[in-house]
């Protein structure tokens, strides 16, 4: 607020509070692993992910390729979906297809 002014100015940026987490360790190899493909339901994500997973599977020979879709690109993945992906896969591929 400026000196002598009765106006209050708000900062529109807000405050983001997030817990810091370490990234998962990188897989040393991809061949023989189970690949999860998470489609965020953006308009072109499906095309990008399907082509990418096909090329990656051809190059590395995954034991399995499992395709998942979020409910909406504007929402976080449902906890039960995340648990399923973690339980049944070794690595995850996701992308934004805009």
N, C-alpha and C. Protein backbone atom coordinates (compact mmCIF):
# COMPACT_ATOMS: atom_id res chain seq x y z
N UNK A 1 0.85 -1.15 0.00
CA UNK A 1 0.00 0.00 0.00
C UNK A 1 0.91 1.23 0.00
N UNK A 2 0.61 2.19 -0.84
CA UNK A 2 1.40 3.41 -0.94
C UNK A 2 1.18 4.27 0.30
N UNK A 3 2.20 5.03 0.67
CA UNK A 3 2.11 5.91 1.83
C UNK A 3 0.97 6.91 1.63
N UNK A 4 0.14 7.07 2.63
CA UNK A 4 -0.96 8.02 2.58
C UNK A 4 -2.15 7.54 1.77
N UNK A 5 -2.15 6.30 1.30
CA UNK A 5 -3.24 5.78 0.48
C UNK A 5 -4.08 4.82 1.31
N UNK A 6 -5.38 4.81 1.06
CA UNK A 6 -6.27 3.88 1.75
C UNK A 6 -6.58 2.65 0.91
N UNK A 7 -5.98 2.55 -0.26
CA UNK A 7 -6.25 1.43 -1.16
C UNK A 7 -5.36 0.24 -0.80
N UNK A 8 -5.95 -0.93 -0.86
CA UNK A 8 -5.20 -2.17 -0.63
C UNK A 8 -5.01 -2.84 -1.99
N UNK A 9 -3.79 -3.25 -2.27
CA UNK A 9 -3.49 -3.92 -3.53
C UNK A 9 -3.16 -5.37 -3.21
N UNK A 10 -3.88 -6.29 -3.85
CA UNK A 10 -3.67 -7.71 -3.63
C UNK A 10 -2.76 -8.28 -4.69
N UNK A 11 -1.92 -9.21 -4.30
CA UNK A 11 -1.03 -9.90 -5.23
C UNK A 11 -1.81 -11.09 -5.81
N UNK A 12 -2.13 -11.08 -7.11
CA UNK A 12 -2.95 -12.14 -7.71
C UNK A 12 -2.23 -13.47 -7.88
N UNK A 13 -0.93 -13.49 -7.66
CA UNK A 13 -0.19 -14.74 -7.88
C UNK A 13 -0.48 -15.79 -6.84
N UNK A 14 -0.88 -15.39 -5.68
CA UNK A 14 -1.19 -16.35 -4.63
C UNK A 14 0.07 -17.03 -4.11
N UNK A 15 -0.14 -18.02 -3.29
CA UNK A 15 0.95 -18.78 -2.69
C UNK A 15 0.72 -20.25 -2.98
N UNK A 16 1.73 -20.90 -3.48
CA UNK A 16 1.64 -22.33 -3.76
C UNK A 16 2.37 -23.07 -2.66
N UNK A 17 1.66 -23.96 -2.03
CA UNK A 17 2.26 -24.79 -1.00
C UNK A 17 2.28 -26.22 -1.51
N UNK A 18 3.48 -26.77 -1.65
CA UNK A 18 3.61 -28.13 -2.16
C UNK A 18 4.73 -28.84 -1.43
N UNK A 19 4.51 -30.10 -1.20
CA UNK A 19 5.52 -30.92 -0.55
C UNK A 19 6.57 -31.31 -1.58
N UNK A 20 7.81 -31.08 -1.26
CA UNK A 20 8.90 -31.44 -2.16
C UNK A 20 9.14 -32.95 -2.10
N UNK A 21 9.27 -33.56 -3.26
CA UNK A 21 9.52 -35.00 -3.33
C UNK A 21 10.65 -35.29 -4.29
N UNK A 22 11.43 -36.27 -3.98
CA UNK A 22 12.52 -36.68 -4.86
C UNK A 22 11.93 -37.39 -6.07
N UNK A 23 12.58 -37.27 -7.21
CA UNK A 23 12.11 -37.99 -8.39
C UNK A 23 12.48 -39.47 -8.26
N UNK A 24 11.73 -40.30 -8.94
CA UNK A 24 11.99 -41.74 -8.91
C UNK A 24 13.30 -42.02 -9.64
N UNK A 25 14.02 -43.05 -9.23
CA UNK A 25 15.25 -43.39 -9.94
C UNK A 25 14.94 -43.84 -11.36
N UNK A 26 15.81 -43.52 -12.29
CA UNK A 26 15.65 -43.92 -13.69
C UNK A 26 15.92 -45.42 -13.84
N UNK A 27 15.18 -46.05 -14.72
CA UNK A 27 15.41 -47.47 -15.02
C UNK A 27 16.71 -47.58 -15.81
N UNK A 28 17.55 -48.53 -15.46
CA UNK A 28 18.82 -48.72 -16.17
C UNK A 28 18.58 -49.28 -17.57
N UNK A 29 17.52 -50.09 -17.71
CA UNK A 29 17.15 -50.70 -18.99
C UNK A 29 15.63 -50.66 -19.12
N UNK A 30 15.14 -50.70 -20.35
CA UNK A 30 13.71 -50.72 -20.57
C UNK A 30 13.20 -52.06 -21.06
N UNK A 31 14.06 -52.84 -21.70
CA UNK A 31 13.61 -54.11 -22.26
C UNK A 31 13.14 -55.04 -21.15
N UNK A 32 11.98 -55.65 -21.40
CA UNK A 32 11.41 -56.59 -20.44
C UNK A 32 10.59 -55.94 -19.33
N UNK A 33 10.55 -54.61 -19.27
CA UNK A 33 9.76 -53.95 -18.25
C UNK A 33 8.31 -53.80 -18.69
N UNK A 34 7.44 -53.47 -17.75
CA UNK A 34 6.04 -53.20 -18.04
C UNK A 34 5.84 -51.69 -18.16
N UNK A 35 5.35 -51.25 -19.31
CA UNK A 35 5.16 -49.83 -19.59
C UNK A 35 3.71 -49.43 -19.36
N UNK A 36 3.49 -48.40 -18.55
CA UNK A 36 2.18 -47.79 -18.40
C UNK A 36 2.15 -46.55 -19.27
N UNK A 37 1.09 -46.38 -20.03
CA UNK A 37 0.89 -45.19 -20.84
C UNK A 37 -0.33 -44.48 -20.27
N UNK A 38 -0.11 -43.25 -19.77
CA UNK A 38 -1.20 -42.51 -19.15
C UNK A 38 -1.63 -41.38 -20.06
N UNK A 39 -2.82 -41.51 -20.62
CA UNK A 39 -3.42 -40.51 -21.50
C UNK A 39 -4.13 -39.49 -20.62
N UNK A 40 -3.76 -38.22 -20.76
CA UNK A 40 -4.39 -37.19 -19.93
C UNK A 40 -5.68 -36.65 -20.54
N UNK A 41 -6.10 -37.19 -21.66
CA UNK A 41 -7.33 -36.88 -22.40
C UNK A 41 -7.30 -35.52 -23.10
N UNK A 42 -6.12 -34.91 -23.24
CA UNK A 42 -6.02 -33.72 -24.09
C UNK A 42 -6.25 -34.18 -25.52
N UNK A 43 -6.67 -33.27 -26.40
CA UNK A 43 -7.14 -33.62 -27.72
C UNK A 43 -6.15 -34.43 -28.55
N UNK A 44 -4.89 -34.11 -28.55
CA UNK A 44 -3.92 -34.82 -29.37
C UNK A 44 -3.03 -35.77 -28.58
N UNK A 45 -3.23 -35.87 -27.30
CA UNK A 45 -2.38 -36.75 -26.48
C UNK A 45 -2.48 -38.19 -26.94
N UNK A 46 -3.68 -38.64 -27.26
CA UNK A 46 -3.90 -40.02 -27.68
C UNK A 46 -3.03 -40.37 -28.88
N UNK A 47 -3.01 -39.51 -29.89
CA UNK A 47 -2.21 -39.76 -31.09
C UNK A 47 -0.73 -39.82 -30.77
N UNK A 48 -0.26 -38.85 -29.99
CA UNK A 48 1.15 -38.78 -29.62
C UNK A 48 1.56 -40.01 -28.80
N UNK A 49 0.76 -40.37 -27.83
CA UNK A 49 1.09 -41.49 -26.95
C UNK A 49 1.04 -42.82 -27.68
N UNK A 50 0.04 -43.05 -28.50
CA UNK A 50 -0.06 -44.34 -29.20
C UNK A 50 1.11 -44.55 -30.17
N UNK A 51 1.49 -43.50 -30.87
CA UNK A 51 2.64 -43.63 -31.78
C UNK A 51 3.92 -43.83 -30.98
N UNK A 52 4.08 -43.08 -29.90
CA UNK A 52 5.28 -43.20 -29.06
C UNK A 52 5.39 -44.58 -28.43
N UNK A 53 4.27 -45.10 -27.91
CA UNK A 53 4.34 -46.41 -27.26
C UNK A 53 4.64 -47.50 -28.27
N UNK A 54 4.13 -47.38 -29.48
CA UNK A 54 4.43 -48.39 -30.50
C UNK A 54 5.91 -48.37 -30.86
N UNK A 55 6.47 -47.18 -31.04
CA UNK A 55 7.89 -47.09 -31.39
C UNK A 55 8.78 -47.55 -30.24
N UNK A 56 8.42 -47.18 -29.02
CA UNK A 56 9.20 -47.61 -27.86
C UNK A 56 9.13 -49.12 -27.68
N UNK A 57 7.95 -49.70 -27.85
CA UNK A 57 7.82 -51.14 -27.70
C UNK A 57 8.63 -51.88 -28.76
N UNK A 58 8.63 -51.36 -29.97
CA UNK A 58 9.43 -51.96 -31.04
C UNK A 58 10.92 -51.88 -30.71
N UNK A 59 11.35 -50.77 -30.16
CA UNK A 59 12.77 -50.57 -29.86
C UNK A 59 13.24 -51.34 -28.63
N UNK A 60 12.38 -51.48 -27.62
CA UNK A 60 12.83 -52.04 -26.35
C UNK A 60 12.18 -53.37 -25.98
N UNK A 61 11.08 -53.74 -26.58
CA UNK A 61 10.44 -55.01 -26.26
C UNK A 61 9.96 -55.09 -24.82
N UNK A 62 8.95 -54.32 -24.49
CA UNK A 62 8.39 -54.36 -23.15
C UNK A 62 7.70 -55.69 -22.88
N UNK A 63 7.68 -56.10 -21.63
CA UNK A 63 6.96 -57.32 -21.24
C UNK A 63 5.45 -57.09 -21.39
N UNK A 64 5.02 -55.86 -21.16
CA UNK A 64 3.60 -55.49 -21.31
C UNK A 64 3.52 -53.99 -21.54
N UNK A 65 2.49 -53.59 -22.27
CA UNK A 65 2.17 -52.17 -22.45
C UNK A 65 0.71 -52.00 -22.02
N UNK A 66 0.50 -51.22 -20.98
CA UNK A 66 -0.84 -51.01 -20.42
C UNK A 66 -1.25 -49.56 -20.61
N UNK A 67 -2.42 -49.36 -21.20
CA UNK A 67 -2.91 -48.03 -21.54
C UNK A 67 -3.97 -47.59 -20.54
N UNK A 68 -3.81 -46.39 -19.98
CA UNK A 68 -4.74 -45.84 -19.00
C UNK A 68 -5.17 -44.44 -19.43
N UNK A 69 -6.36 -44.03 -19.01
CA UNK A 69 -6.86 -42.68 -19.31
C UNK A 69 -7.32 -42.00 -18.03
N UNK A 70 -6.92 -40.74 -17.88
CA UNK A 70 -7.44 -39.94 -16.78
C UNK A 70 -8.87 -39.55 -17.09
N UNK A 71 -9.62 -39.17 -16.07
CA UNK A 71 -11.00 -38.73 -16.25
C UNK A 71 -11.05 -37.42 -17.04
N UNK A 72 -10.13 -36.51 -16.74
CA UNK A 72 -10.11 -35.21 -17.39
C UNK A 72 -8.71 -34.63 -17.33
N UNK A 73 -8.30 -33.94 -18.37
CA UNK A 73 -6.97 -33.33 -18.38
C UNK A 73 -6.84 -32.24 -17.33
N UNK A 74 -7.93 -31.69 -16.88
CA UNK A 74 -7.88 -30.59 -15.93
C UNK A 74 -7.91 -31.05 -14.47
N UNK A 75 -7.92 -32.36 -14.26
CA UNK A 75 -7.96 -32.91 -12.90
C UNK A 75 -6.81 -33.86 -12.70
N UNK A 76 -6.40 -34.02 -11.46
CA UNK A 76 -5.34 -34.98 -11.16
C UNK A 76 -5.88 -36.39 -11.39
N UNK A 77 -4.99 -37.32 -11.59
CA UNK A 77 -5.40 -38.72 -11.76
C UNK A 77 -6.00 -39.22 -10.45
N UNK A 78 -7.05 -39.98 -10.56
CA UNK A 78 -7.71 -40.53 -9.37
C UNK A 78 -6.72 -41.40 -8.60
N UNK A 79 -6.75 -41.34 -7.28
CA UNK A 79 -5.81 -42.13 -6.47
C UNK A 79 -5.85 -43.62 -6.79
N UNK A 80 -7.04 -44.17 -7.06
CA UNK A 80 -7.12 -45.61 -7.38
C UNK A 80 -6.45 -45.90 -8.73
N UNK A 81 -6.51 -44.98 -9.68
CA UNK A 81 -5.82 -45.15 -10.95
C UNK A 81 -4.31 -45.13 -10.75
N UNK A 82 -3.83 -44.21 -9.94
CA UNK A 82 -2.40 -44.14 -9.64
C UNK A 82 -1.93 -45.42 -8.96
N UNK A 83 -2.72 -45.91 -8.00
CA UNK A 83 -2.35 -47.17 -7.32
C UNK A 83 -2.29 -48.33 -8.30
N UNK A 84 -3.24 -48.40 -9.22
CA UNK A 84 -3.24 -49.48 -10.22
C UNK A 84 -2.00 -49.38 -11.12
N UNK A 85 -1.67 -48.19 -11.55
CA UNK A 85 -0.49 -48.00 -12.40
C UNK A 85 0.78 -48.42 -11.66
N UNK A 86 0.91 -48.00 -10.42
CA UNK A 86 2.09 -48.35 -9.62
C UNK A 86 2.19 -49.86 -9.41
N UNK A 87 1.07 -50.49 -9.12
CA UNK A 87 1.07 -51.92 -8.82
C UNK A 87 1.37 -52.79 -10.03
N UNK A 88 1.00 -52.33 -11.23
CA UNK A 88 1.08 -53.20 -12.41
C UNK A 88 2.09 -52.79 -13.47
N UNK A 89 2.96 -51.82 -13.16
CA UNK A 89 3.89 -51.33 -14.16
C UNK A 89 5.23 -50.96 -13.54
N UNK A 90 6.24 -50.88 -14.40
CA UNK A 90 7.58 -50.51 -13.95
C UNK A 90 7.95 -49.08 -14.33
N UNK A 91 7.51 -48.63 -15.49
CA UNK A 91 7.79 -47.27 -15.98
C UNK A 91 6.52 -46.69 -16.57
N UNK A 92 6.45 -45.34 -16.63
CA UNK A 92 5.25 -44.66 -17.11
C UNK A 92 5.62 -43.64 -18.19
N UNK A 93 4.81 -43.60 -19.23
CA UNK A 93 4.93 -42.60 -20.28
C UNK A 93 3.65 -41.78 -20.27
N UNK A 94 3.80 -40.46 -20.25
CA UNK A 94 2.65 -39.57 -20.37
C UNK A 94 3.10 -38.36 -21.17
N UNK A 95 2.15 -37.62 -21.72
CA UNK A 95 2.50 -36.46 -22.54
C UNK A 95 1.29 -35.55 -22.67
N UNK A 96 1.56 -34.31 -23.03
CA UNK A 96 0.51 -33.36 -23.37
C UNK A 96 0.51 -33.21 -24.87
N UNK A 97 -0.63 -33.42 -25.49
CA UNK A 97 -0.69 -33.43 -26.94
C UNK A 97 -1.27 -32.18 -27.56
N UNK A 98 -0.93 -31.01 -27.06
CA UNK A 98 -1.44 -29.77 -27.66
C UNK A 98 -0.53 -29.30 -28.76
